[in-house]
N, C-alpha and C. Protein backbone atom coordinates (compact mmCIF):
# COMPACT_ATOMS: atom_id res chain seq x y z
N MET A 1 48.93 224.14 -40.40
CA MET A 1 50.16 223.63 -40.98
C MET A 1 50.92 222.85 -39.91
N ASN A 2 51.21 221.59 -40.17
CA ASN A 2 51.95 220.78 -39.22
C ASN A 2 53.44 221.04 -39.38
N LEU A 3 54.11 221.23 -38.27
CA LEU A 3 55.55 221.43 -38.28
C LEU A 3 56.26 220.11 -38.01
N SER A 4 57.52 220.05 -38.39
CA SER A 4 58.27 218.81 -38.25
C SER A 4 58.49 218.45 -36.78
N ASP A 5 58.58 217.17 -36.54
CA ASP A 5 58.87 216.66 -35.20
C ASP A 5 60.36 216.87 -34.93
N VAL A 6 60.66 217.62 -33.88
CA VAL A 6 62.07 217.92 -33.58
C VAL A 6 62.58 217.15 -32.37
N SER A 7 61.81 216.18 -31.88
CA SER A 7 62.18 215.49 -30.65
C SER A 7 63.55 214.82 -30.73
N ALA A 8 63.94 214.34 -31.90
CA ALA A 8 65.23 213.68 -32.04
C ALA A 8 66.40 214.65 -31.89
N TYR A 9 66.15 215.94 -32.02
CA TYR A 9 67.22 216.93 -31.98
C TYR A 9 67.27 217.71 -30.67
N LEU A 10 66.29 217.47 -29.80
CA LEU A 10 66.24 218.21 -28.54
C LEU A 10 67.39 217.80 -27.63
N PRO A 11 67.91 218.71 -26.83
CA PRO A 11 68.99 218.35 -25.91
C PRO A 11 68.51 217.36 -24.85
N GLU A 12 69.42 216.50 -24.44
CA GLU A 12 69.10 215.51 -23.40
C GLU A 12 69.66 215.93 -22.05
N ALA A 13 70.49 216.97 -22.04
CA ALA A 13 71.08 217.44 -20.79
C ALA A 13 71.32 218.94 -20.88
N VAL A 14 71.35 219.59 -19.74
CA VAL A 14 71.66 221.02 -19.68
C VAL A 14 73.13 221.14 -19.31
N LEU A 15 73.95 221.59 -20.27
CA LEU A 15 75.39 221.61 -20.08
C LEU A 15 76.02 223.00 -20.22
N SER A 16 75.50 223.80 -21.12
CA SER A 16 76.12 225.10 -21.34
C SER A 16 75.88 226.01 -20.15
N GLN A 17 76.82 226.90 -19.90
CA GLN A 17 76.71 227.79 -18.74
C GLN A 17 75.46 228.65 -18.81
N GLN A 18 75.13 229.13 -20.01
CA GLN A 18 73.94 229.97 -20.13
C GLN A 18 72.67 229.20 -19.84
N ALA A 19 72.58 227.99 -20.38
CA ALA A 19 71.38 227.18 -20.14
C ALA A 19 71.29 226.80 -18.66
N LEU A 20 72.42 226.51 -18.03
CA LEU A 20 72.42 226.20 -16.60
C LEU A 20 71.93 227.40 -15.79
N ARG A 21 72.33 228.60 -16.19
CA ARG A 21 71.88 229.82 -15.51
C ARG A 21 70.37 229.97 -15.59
N ILE A 22 69.81 229.73 -16.79
CA ILE A 22 68.36 229.82 -16.97
C ILE A 22 67.66 228.71 -16.20
N GLN A 23 68.20 227.49 -16.25
CA GLN A 23 67.61 226.38 -15.51
C GLN A 23 67.58 226.67 -14.02
N LYS A 24 68.68 227.17 -13.48
CA LYS A 24 68.74 227.49 -12.05
C LYS A 24 67.66 228.51 -11.68
N PHE A 25 67.50 229.52 -12.51
CA PHE A 25 66.49 230.55 -12.29
C PHE A 25 65.09 229.92 -12.28
N LEU A 26 64.80 229.10 -13.28
CA LEU A 26 63.47 228.48 -13.38
C LEU A 26 63.22 227.50 -12.24
N LEU A 27 64.24 226.78 -11.82
CA LEU A 27 64.08 225.86 -10.69
C LEU A 27 63.79 226.63 -9.40
N GLN A 28 64.39 227.80 -9.25
CA GLN A 28 64.12 228.61 -8.06
C GLN A 28 62.67 229.10 -8.09
N VAL A 29 62.21 229.54 -9.25
CA VAL A 29 60.81 229.95 -9.40
C VAL A 29 59.90 228.77 -9.09
N ASP A 30 60.23 227.61 -9.63
CA ASP A 30 59.44 226.41 -9.43
C ASP A 30 59.29 226.07 -7.95
N THR A 31 60.37 226.21 -7.21
CA THR A 31 60.36 225.92 -5.77
C THR A 31 59.42 226.86 -5.02
N GLU A 32 59.35 228.11 -5.47
CA GLU A 32 58.54 229.12 -4.78
C GLU A 32 57.06 229.06 -5.16
N LEU A 33 56.75 228.41 -6.27
CA LEU A 33 55.36 228.36 -6.73
C LEU A 33 54.49 227.51 -5.81
N GLY A 34 53.28 227.97 -5.58
CA GLY A 34 52.36 227.18 -4.77
C GLY A 34 51.29 226.52 -5.61
N CYS A 35 51.40 226.62 -6.92
CA CYS A 35 50.40 226.03 -7.81
C CYS A 35 51.06 225.70 -9.13
N ASP A 36 50.33 224.96 -9.96
CA ASP A 36 50.83 224.63 -11.29
C ASP A 36 50.75 225.85 -12.19
N CYS A 37 51.74 226.01 -13.04
CA CYS A 37 51.77 227.13 -13.97
C CYS A 37 52.46 226.68 -15.25
N THR A 38 51.98 227.17 -16.38
CA THR A 38 52.59 226.89 -17.68
C THR A 38 53.02 228.20 -18.30
N ILE A 39 54.23 228.23 -18.85
CA ILE A 39 54.69 229.41 -19.57
C ILE A 39 55.15 229.01 -20.97
N ALA A 40 54.94 229.90 -21.92
CA ALA A 40 55.43 229.73 -23.29
C ALA A 40 56.55 230.74 -23.49
N VAL A 41 57.74 230.25 -23.75
CA VAL A 41 58.94 231.07 -23.81
C VAL A 41 59.42 231.19 -25.25
N TYR A 42 59.89 232.39 -25.58
CA TYR A 42 60.53 232.59 -26.89
C TYR A 42 61.74 233.47 -26.68
N GLY A 43 62.28 234.07 -27.74
CA GLY A 43 63.44 234.94 -27.61
C GLY A 43 64.73 234.15 -27.41
N SER A 44 65.77 234.87 -26.98
CA SER A 44 67.10 234.26 -26.84
C SER A 44 67.14 233.19 -25.75
N ALA A 45 66.30 233.31 -24.72
CA ALA A 45 66.27 232.26 -23.70
C ALA A 45 65.83 230.94 -24.31
N ALA A 46 64.85 230.98 -25.20
CA ALA A 46 64.40 229.75 -25.87
C ALA A 46 65.51 229.17 -26.74
N VAL A 47 66.23 230.04 -27.46
CA VAL A 47 67.35 229.56 -28.28
C VAL A 47 68.38 228.88 -27.40
N THR A 48 68.70 229.50 -26.27
CA THR A 48 69.68 228.92 -25.35
C THR A 48 69.25 227.55 -24.87
N LEU A 49 67.97 227.38 -24.56
CA LEU A 49 67.49 226.08 -24.09
C LEU A 49 67.47 225.04 -25.22
N TYR A 50 67.20 225.48 -26.44
CA TYR A 50 67.27 224.55 -27.57
C TYR A 50 68.70 224.08 -27.84
N ARG A 51 69.68 224.85 -27.39
CA ARG A 51 71.10 224.49 -27.56
C ARG A 51 71.74 224.19 -26.21
N ALA A 52 70.94 223.70 -25.25
CA ALA A 52 71.38 223.55 -23.86
C ALA A 52 72.54 222.58 -23.68
N ASP A 53 72.70 221.64 -24.60
CA ASP A 53 73.77 220.66 -24.44
C ASP A 53 75.03 221.04 -25.20
N ASP A 54 75.06 222.25 -25.77
CA ASP A 54 76.26 222.69 -26.48
C ASP A 54 77.38 222.99 -25.49
N SER A 55 78.59 222.86 -25.96
CA SER A 55 79.74 223.22 -25.14
C SER A 55 79.85 224.74 -25.06
N ASP A 56 80.72 225.22 -24.21
CA ASP A 56 80.90 226.66 -24.06
C ASP A 56 81.42 227.31 -25.34
N ALA A 57 81.93 226.51 -26.26
CA ALA A 57 82.40 227.06 -27.53
C ALA A 57 81.26 227.57 -28.38
N HIS A 58 80.04 227.20 -28.02
CA HIS A 58 78.87 227.60 -28.81
C HIS A 58 77.93 228.49 -28.01
N GLU A 59 78.49 229.40 -27.22
CA GLU A 59 77.65 230.33 -26.47
C GLU A 59 77.16 231.42 -27.41
N TYR A 60 75.94 231.91 -27.18
CA TYR A 60 75.34 232.86 -28.11
C TYR A 60 74.99 234.18 -27.46
N GLY A 61 75.75 234.60 -26.46
CA GLY A 61 75.49 235.90 -25.84
C GLY A 61 74.48 235.80 -24.72
N TYR A 62 74.75 236.48 -23.63
CA TYR A 62 73.85 236.42 -22.48
C TYR A 62 72.53 237.10 -22.76
N THR A 63 71.48 236.50 -22.27
CA THR A 63 70.18 237.16 -22.27
C THR A 63 69.90 237.65 -20.86
N TYR A 64 69.24 238.78 -20.76
CA TYR A 64 68.93 239.36 -19.46
C TYR A 64 67.49 239.09 -19.06
N ASP A 65 66.74 238.49 -19.95
CA ASP A 65 65.34 238.22 -19.62
C ASP A 65 64.86 236.95 -20.30
N ILE A 66 63.78 236.44 -19.77
CA ILE A 66 63.11 235.29 -20.35
C ILE A 66 61.79 235.81 -20.90
N ASP A 67 61.70 235.86 -22.23
CA ASP A 67 60.50 236.39 -22.88
C ASP A 67 59.38 235.37 -22.76
N VAL A 68 58.31 235.77 -22.11
CA VAL A 68 57.15 234.90 -21.92
C VAL A 68 56.02 235.39 -22.81
N ALA A 69 55.60 234.53 -23.74
CA ALA A 69 54.54 234.89 -24.67
C ALA A 69 53.17 234.64 -24.08
N ARG A 70 53.11 233.72 -23.14
CA ARG A 70 51.81 233.31 -22.61
C ARG A 70 52.05 232.55 -21.32
N SER A 71 51.19 232.80 -20.35
CA SER A 71 51.28 232.02 -19.12
C SER A 71 49.88 231.59 -18.72
N SER A 72 49.82 230.51 -17.99
CA SER A 72 48.53 230.00 -17.51
C SER A 72 48.74 229.50 -16.09
N PRO A 73 48.03 229.98 -15.09
CA PRO A 73 46.96 230.99 -15.21
C PRO A 73 47.52 232.38 -15.53
N LYS A 74 46.74 233.17 -16.27
CA LYS A 74 47.18 234.48 -16.74
C LYS A 74 47.49 235.44 -15.60
N GLU A 75 46.71 235.36 -14.55
CA GLU A 75 46.84 236.35 -13.48
C GLU A 75 48.06 236.11 -12.59
N LEU A 76 48.75 234.99 -12.77
CA LEU A 76 49.90 234.69 -11.92
C LEU A 76 51.13 235.40 -12.45
N ASP A 77 51.69 236.30 -11.66
CA ASP A 77 52.91 237.01 -12.04
C ASP A 77 54.09 236.30 -11.40
N LEU A 78 54.94 235.73 -12.23
CA LEU A 78 56.07 234.96 -11.72
C LEU A 78 57.23 235.83 -11.25
N SER A 79 57.19 237.10 -11.61
CA SER A 79 58.32 237.98 -11.34
C SER A 79 58.67 238.06 -9.86
N GLY A 80 57.68 237.98 -8.98
CA GLY A 80 57.93 238.11 -7.56
C GLY A 80 58.44 236.85 -6.89
N HIS A 81 58.65 235.78 -7.64
CA HIS A 81 59.02 234.50 -7.05
C HIS A 81 60.52 234.26 -6.97
N VAL A 82 61.30 235.23 -7.42
CA VAL A 82 62.75 235.03 -7.39
C VAL A 82 63.44 236.39 -7.36
N ASP A 83 64.58 236.45 -6.70
CA ASP A 83 65.38 237.67 -6.65
C ASP A 83 66.31 237.67 -7.86
N SER A 84 65.92 238.41 -8.89
CA SER A 84 66.68 238.39 -10.14
C SER A 84 68.08 238.97 -9.98
N SER A 85 68.26 239.84 -8.98
CA SER A 85 69.58 240.46 -8.80
C SER A 85 70.62 239.47 -8.29
N SER A 86 70.18 238.29 -7.84
CA SER A 86 71.13 237.29 -7.35
C SER A 86 71.80 236.54 -8.50
N TYR A 87 71.40 236.85 -9.73
CA TYR A 87 72.00 236.23 -10.91
C TYR A 87 72.93 237.22 -11.58
N ASP A 88 74.04 236.74 -12.08
CA ASP A 88 75.02 237.62 -12.70
C ASP A 88 75.25 237.16 -14.14
N PRO A 89 74.80 237.94 -15.12
CA PRO A 89 74.02 239.17 -14.95
C PRO A 89 72.59 238.86 -14.52
N PRO A 90 71.87 239.88 -14.03
CA PRO A 90 70.49 239.65 -13.57
C PRO A 90 69.62 239.03 -14.65
N LEU A 91 68.66 238.24 -14.21
CA LEU A 91 67.75 237.55 -15.12
C LEU A 91 66.34 237.75 -14.60
N GLU A 92 65.40 238.02 -15.50
CA GLU A 92 64.02 238.24 -15.08
C GLU A 92 63.06 237.85 -16.20
N PHE A 93 61.79 237.76 -15.86
CA PHE A 93 60.76 237.49 -16.86
C PHE A 93 60.33 238.79 -17.52
N GLN A 94 60.09 238.71 -18.82
CA GLN A 94 59.51 239.82 -19.58
C GLN A 94 58.27 239.27 -20.27
N TYR A 95 57.13 239.88 -19.98
CA TYR A 95 55.88 239.42 -20.58
C TYR A 95 55.58 240.26 -21.81
N TYR A 96 55.56 239.61 -22.96
CA TYR A 96 55.24 240.28 -24.22
C TYR A 96 54.19 239.45 -24.94
N ASP A 97 53.44 240.11 -25.76
CA ASP A 97 52.54 239.40 -26.66
C ASP A 97 53.34 239.01 -27.89
N VAL A 98 53.64 237.73 -28.03
CA VAL A 98 54.47 237.28 -29.15
C VAL A 98 53.83 237.66 -30.49
N GLU A 99 52.52 237.86 -30.50
CA GLU A 99 51.86 238.20 -31.75
C GLU A 99 52.13 239.64 -32.18
N ARG A 100 52.83 240.40 -31.33
CA ARG A 100 53.36 241.70 -31.78
C ARG A 100 54.41 241.49 -32.84
N TRP A 101 55.09 240.34 -32.77
CA TRP A 101 56.14 240.01 -33.73
C TRP A 101 55.51 239.24 -34.89
N LEU A 102 56.35 238.90 -35.82
CA LEU A 102 55.92 238.08 -36.95
C LEU A 102 55.90 236.62 -36.48
N VAL A 103 54.71 236.04 -36.40
CA VAL A 103 54.58 234.66 -35.96
C VAL A 103 53.32 234.05 -36.56
N HIS A 104 53.35 232.77 -36.80
CA HIS A 104 52.19 232.08 -37.36
C HIS A 104 51.08 232.05 -36.31
N PRO A 105 49.82 232.24 -36.72
CA PRO A 105 48.75 232.30 -35.72
C PRO A 105 48.51 231.02 -34.94
N ASP A 106 48.97 229.87 -35.43
CA ASP A 106 48.76 228.64 -34.65
C ASP A 106 50.01 228.25 -33.85
N TRP A 107 50.82 229.23 -33.47
CA TRP A 107 52.04 228.95 -32.73
C TRP A 107 51.79 228.18 -31.44
N LYS A 108 50.63 228.40 -30.82
CA LYS A 108 50.34 227.72 -29.54
C LYS A 108 50.23 226.21 -29.72
N GLU A 109 49.76 225.77 -30.89
CA GLU A 109 49.58 224.34 -31.14
C GLU A 109 50.91 223.63 -31.38
N ALA A 110 51.98 224.39 -31.64
CA ALA A 110 53.26 223.78 -31.99
C ALA A 110 54.31 223.91 -30.88
N LEU A 111 53.91 224.31 -29.68
CA LEU A 111 54.86 224.49 -28.59
C LEU A 111 55.57 223.17 -28.24
N ILE A 112 56.82 223.30 -27.80
CA ILE A 112 57.63 222.14 -27.41
C ILE A 112 57.84 222.18 -25.90
N ASP A 113 57.44 221.12 -25.23
CA ASP A 113 57.53 221.04 -23.77
C ASP A 113 58.96 220.64 -23.35
N MET A 114 59.61 221.52 -22.58
CA MET A 114 60.98 221.27 -22.13
C MET A 114 61.05 221.01 -20.62
N THR A 115 59.90 220.76 -20.00
CA THR A 115 59.84 220.60 -18.55
C THR A 115 60.73 219.45 -18.07
N ALA A 116 60.71 218.32 -18.74
CA ALA A 116 61.50 217.17 -18.31
C ALA A 116 62.99 217.50 -18.33
N LEU A 117 63.44 218.20 -19.35
CA LEU A 117 64.84 218.59 -19.44
C LEU A 117 65.24 219.48 -18.27
N LEU A 118 64.37 220.41 -17.92
CA LEU A 118 64.71 221.40 -16.89
C LEU A 118 64.50 220.87 -15.48
N GLY A 119 63.66 219.86 -15.31
CA GLY A 119 63.45 219.25 -14.01
C GLY A 119 62.52 220.01 -13.09
N THR A 120 61.68 220.88 -13.63
CA THR A 120 60.72 221.61 -12.79
C THR A 120 59.53 220.73 -12.49
N GLN A 121 58.84 221.02 -11.39
CA GLN A 121 57.69 220.23 -10.96
C GLN A 121 56.37 220.98 -11.16
N ASN A 122 56.29 222.20 -10.62
CA ASN A 122 55.06 222.99 -10.72
C ASN A 122 55.03 223.86 -11.98
N LEU A 123 56.20 224.19 -12.48
CA LEU A 123 56.32 225.09 -13.62
C LEU A 123 56.53 224.29 -14.90
N ARG A 124 55.54 224.34 -15.78
CA ARG A 124 55.66 223.67 -17.09
C ARG A 124 56.22 224.70 -18.07
N VAL A 125 57.36 224.38 -18.65
CA VAL A 125 58.07 225.32 -19.53
C VAL A 125 57.99 224.81 -20.97
N CYS A 126 57.31 225.58 -21.81
CA CYS A 126 57.20 225.25 -23.23
C CYS A 126 57.91 226.32 -24.04
N LEU A 127 58.48 225.93 -25.17
CA LEU A 127 59.16 226.86 -26.05
C LEU A 127 58.44 226.92 -27.39
N LEU A 128 58.49 228.10 -28.03
CA LEU A 128 58.01 228.17 -29.39
C LEU A 128 58.76 227.12 -30.20
N HIS A 129 58.08 226.49 -31.13
CA HIS A 129 58.73 225.53 -32.03
C HIS A 129 59.92 226.23 -32.68
N PRO A 130 61.03 225.53 -32.91
CA PRO A 130 62.20 226.19 -33.51
C PRO A 130 61.91 226.94 -34.80
N ILE A 131 61.00 226.41 -35.62
CA ILE A 131 60.66 227.11 -36.88
C ILE A 131 59.96 228.43 -36.57
N ASP A 132 59.00 228.42 -35.65
CA ASP A 132 58.33 229.66 -35.27
C ASP A 132 59.30 230.63 -34.61
N LEU A 133 60.23 230.11 -33.85
CA LEU A 133 61.22 230.95 -33.21
C LEU A 133 62.11 231.63 -34.25
N VAL A 134 62.52 230.89 -35.27
CA VAL A 134 63.30 231.48 -36.36
C VAL A 134 62.51 232.59 -37.04
N VAL A 135 61.22 232.36 -37.28
CA VAL A 135 60.39 233.37 -37.94
C VAL A 135 60.35 234.66 -37.11
N THR A 136 60.19 234.55 -35.79
CA THR A 136 60.19 235.77 -34.95
C THR A 136 61.55 236.46 -35.02
N LYS A 137 62.62 235.70 -35.09
CA LYS A 137 63.96 236.28 -35.16
C LYS A 137 64.18 237.04 -36.47
N LEU A 138 63.60 236.53 -37.55
CA LEU A 138 63.74 237.20 -38.84
C LEU A 138 63.12 238.60 -38.81
N ALA A 139 62.04 238.75 -38.08
CA ALA A 139 61.38 240.05 -38.02
C ALA A 139 62.17 241.06 -37.21
N ARG A 140 62.93 240.60 -36.23
CA ARG A 140 63.66 241.53 -35.38
C ARG A 140 64.96 241.96 -36.05
N CYS A 141 65.61 241.06 -36.74
CA CYS A 141 66.64 241.38 -37.72
C CYS A 141 67.89 242.08 -37.18
N ASN A 142 68.20 242.00 -35.88
CA ASN A 142 69.50 242.55 -35.46
C ASN A 142 70.53 241.43 -35.49
N SER A 143 71.78 241.75 -35.24
CA SER A 143 72.85 240.77 -35.41
C SER A 143 72.68 239.56 -34.48
N GLN A 144 72.25 239.79 -33.24
CA GLN A 144 72.05 238.68 -32.31
C GLN A 144 70.91 237.77 -32.78
N ASP A 145 69.84 238.39 -33.30
CA ASP A 145 68.70 237.59 -33.79
C ASP A 145 69.10 236.76 -35.00
N LEU A 146 69.92 237.32 -35.89
CA LEU A 146 70.37 236.56 -37.05
C LEU A 146 71.27 235.40 -36.60
N GLU A 147 72.12 235.66 -35.62
CA GLU A 147 72.97 234.59 -35.08
C GLU A 147 72.12 233.51 -34.43
N ASP A 148 71.09 233.93 -33.69
CA ASP A 148 70.17 232.95 -33.09
C ASP A 148 69.50 232.11 -34.17
N GLY A 149 69.04 232.77 -35.25
CA GLY A 149 68.39 232.06 -36.34
C GLY A 149 69.33 231.05 -36.99
N GLN A 150 70.59 231.44 -37.17
CA GLN A 150 71.56 230.54 -37.77
C GLN A 150 71.83 229.34 -36.86
N SER A 151 71.90 229.58 -35.55
CA SER A 151 72.17 228.46 -34.63
C SER A 151 71.00 227.47 -34.61
N LEU A 152 69.78 227.97 -34.72
CA LEU A 152 68.61 227.08 -34.79
C LEU A 152 68.58 226.34 -36.13
N ARG A 153 68.92 227.05 -37.19
CA ARG A 153 68.95 226.41 -38.52
C ARG A 153 69.89 225.22 -38.53
N GLU A 154 71.07 225.39 -37.95
CA GLU A 154 72.08 224.33 -37.95
C GLU A 154 71.55 223.03 -37.37
N ARG A 155 70.74 223.15 -36.34
CA ARG A 155 70.33 221.95 -35.61
C ARG A 155 68.91 221.48 -35.94
N TYR A 156 68.02 222.41 -36.25
CA TYR A 156 66.60 222.07 -36.31
C TYR A 156 65.95 222.22 -37.68
N VAL A 157 66.66 222.78 -38.64
CA VAL A 157 66.03 223.02 -39.95
C VAL A 157 66.76 222.20 -41.02
N SER A 158 66.11 221.14 -41.46
CA SER A 158 66.70 220.31 -42.52
C SER A 158 66.21 220.74 -43.89
N ASP A 159 65.11 221.47 -43.94
CA ASP A 159 64.52 221.88 -45.21
C ASP A 159 64.06 223.34 -45.10
N THR A 160 64.76 224.21 -45.81
CA THR A 160 64.44 225.64 -45.76
C THR A 160 63.01 225.91 -46.23
N ALA A 161 62.47 225.05 -47.07
CA ALA A 161 61.11 225.25 -47.58
C ALA A 161 60.08 225.28 -46.45
N ILE A 162 60.34 224.55 -45.38
CA ILE A 162 59.41 224.54 -44.23
C ILE A 162 59.34 225.92 -43.60
N VAL A 163 60.51 226.53 -43.43
CA VAL A 163 60.55 227.88 -42.86
C VAL A 163 59.91 228.87 -43.82
N ARG A 164 60.23 228.74 -45.10
CA ARG A 164 59.67 229.63 -46.12
C ARG A 164 58.14 229.58 -46.10
N ASP A 165 57.58 228.38 -46.07
CA ASP A 165 56.12 228.23 -46.07
C ASP A 165 55.50 228.82 -44.80
N ARG A 166 56.12 228.54 -43.67
CA ARG A 166 55.61 229.05 -42.39
C ARG A 166 55.69 230.58 -42.37
N LEU A 167 56.77 231.12 -42.87
CA LEU A 167 56.95 232.57 -42.93
C LEU A 167 55.92 233.22 -43.85
N LEU A 168 55.73 232.66 -45.04
CA LEU A 168 54.77 233.24 -45.99
C LEU A 168 53.35 233.20 -45.43
N GLU A 169 53.04 232.15 -44.68
CA GLU A 169 51.72 232.07 -44.06
C GLU A 169 51.60 233.10 -42.93
N ALA A 170 52.66 233.24 -42.14
CA ALA A 170 52.64 234.19 -41.01
C ALA A 170 52.50 235.63 -41.48
N VAL A 171 53.12 235.96 -42.60
CA VAL A 171 53.08 237.33 -43.14
C VAL A 171 51.66 237.77 -43.44
N LYS A 172 50.78 236.83 -43.77
CA LYS A 172 49.39 237.17 -44.07
C LYS A 172 48.68 237.82 -42.89
N TYR A 173 49.17 237.53 -41.68
CA TYR A 173 48.51 238.03 -40.47
C TYR A 173 49.32 239.14 -39.79
N TRP A 174 50.37 239.58 -40.44
CA TRP A 174 51.32 240.54 -39.85
C TRP A 174 51.17 241.91 -40.49
N PRO A 175 50.94 242.94 -39.68
CA PRO A 175 50.74 244.27 -40.26
C PRO A 175 52.06 245.02 -40.47
N GLY A 176 53.11 244.31 -40.83
CA GLY A 176 54.41 244.95 -41.00
C GLY A 176 54.43 245.88 -42.20
N SER A 177 55.25 246.92 -42.11
CA SER A 177 55.38 247.90 -43.19
C SER A 177 56.24 247.33 -44.32
N ASP A 178 56.28 248.04 -45.45
CA ASP A 178 57.13 247.62 -46.57
C ASP A 178 58.59 247.55 -46.12
N ARG A 179 59.00 248.51 -45.31
CA ARG A 179 60.38 248.52 -44.80
C ARG A 179 60.64 247.29 -43.93
N GLU A 180 59.70 246.95 -43.08
CA GLU A 180 59.86 245.78 -42.22
C GLU A 180 59.89 244.49 -43.04
N ARG A 181 59.08 244.43 -44.09
CA ARG A 181 59.10 243.25 -44.97
C ARG A 181 60.45 243.13 -45.66
N SER A 182 61.02 244.24 -46.07
CA SER A 182 62.35 244.23 -46.70
C SER A 182 63.39 243.72 -45.72
N GLN A 183 63.27 244.11 -44.46
CA GLN A 183 64.21 243.63 -43.44
C GLN A 183 64.09 242.13 -43.25
N VAL A 184 62.86 241.62 -43.28
CA VAL A 184 62.67 240.18 -43.14
C VAL A 184 63.28 239.44 -44.33
N GLU A 185 63.10 239.98 -45.53
CA GLU A 185 63.71 239.37 -46.71
C GLU A 185 65.23 239.33 -46.58
N TYR A 186 65.80 240.43 -46.10
CA TYR A 186 67.25 240.52 -45.88
C TYR A 186 67.69 239.49 -44.83
N ALA A 187 66.94 239.40 -43.74
CA ALA A 187 67.28 238.47 -42.66
C ALA A 187 67.18 237.02 -43.14
N PHE A 188 66.13 236.70 -43.91
CA PHE A 188 65.96 235.34 -44.42
C PHE A 188 67.18 234.95 -45.26
N GLU A 189 67.60 235.86 -46.13
CA GLU A 189 68.77 235.57 -46.97
C GLU A 189 70.03 235.42 -46.11
N GLY A 190 70.14 236.23 -45.05
CA GLY A 190 71.29 236.14 -44.18
C GLY A 190 71.36 234.83 -43.43
N VAL A 191 70.23 234.30 -43.02
CA VAL A 191 70.20 233.06 -42.25
C VAL A 191 70.26 231.83 -43.15
N PHE A 192 69.52 231.86 -44.27
CA PHE A 192 69.37 230.66 -45.10
C PHE A 192 70.11 230.70 -46.43
N GLU A 193 70.73 231.85 -46.73
CA GLU A 193 71.49 232.02 -47.97
C GLU A 193 70.62 231.76 -49.19
N GLU A 194 69.35 232.14 -49.07
CA GLU A 194 68.40 232.05 -50.17
C GLU A 194 67.56 233.31 -50.16
N LYS A 195 67.14 233.73 -51.33
CA LYS A 195 66.28 234.91 -51.41
C LYS A 195 64.81 234.52 -51.23
N ILE A 196 64.04 235.47 -50.72
CA ILE A 196 62.60 235.28 -50.60
C ILE A 196 61.95 236.60 -50.91
N SER A 197 60.76 236.56 -51.53
CA SER A 197 59.98 237.77 -51.78
C SER A 197 58.68 237.66 -51.01
N LEU A 198 58.47 238.62 -50.12
CA LEU A 198 57.25 238.62 -49.33
C LEU A 198 56.16 239.39 -50.04
N PRO A 199 54.92 238.97 -49.92
CA PRO A 199 53.81 239.70 -50.55
C PRO A 199 53.60 241.06 -49.90
């Protein structure tokens, strides 16, 4: 399934305090790296970077970690490349398998490269496509995740049907319980103000 091209909506500058904090962290890691590395980021850090040019009036809560779904080379642990305690609040990498969450199986093919925005040299920083990021947020379903989903919807989702289709396809590969599916239905309605029934 091809996702929409979001290049016209991507930020052209890092302006918000939160995005600047994440950029500074990644630039420090980049400086310490002795080789090329690619990371795929999701979670609230990805949302912050997708809204990097927002004013401080649109801050969405501090994140304490950068969720990394995938890195290449795999054996390279970036955690030792920066003193996370020097950031207030502290910031660090968290390595999770994004496929633990509700996500479309071809998420890797839809990654968005944000390296040019961040100005890193050795560290290539890719984010889950905004639609895939919204889908992961729907599964987590807490108030911050719903707020993150709404902020992405405002900027990156012109047609709710795209999210609906991506979500329905992703559910086929997700071993979520009936209760978890109900939570996703609730979250979808909360973010998009439309009902959905999951199989």
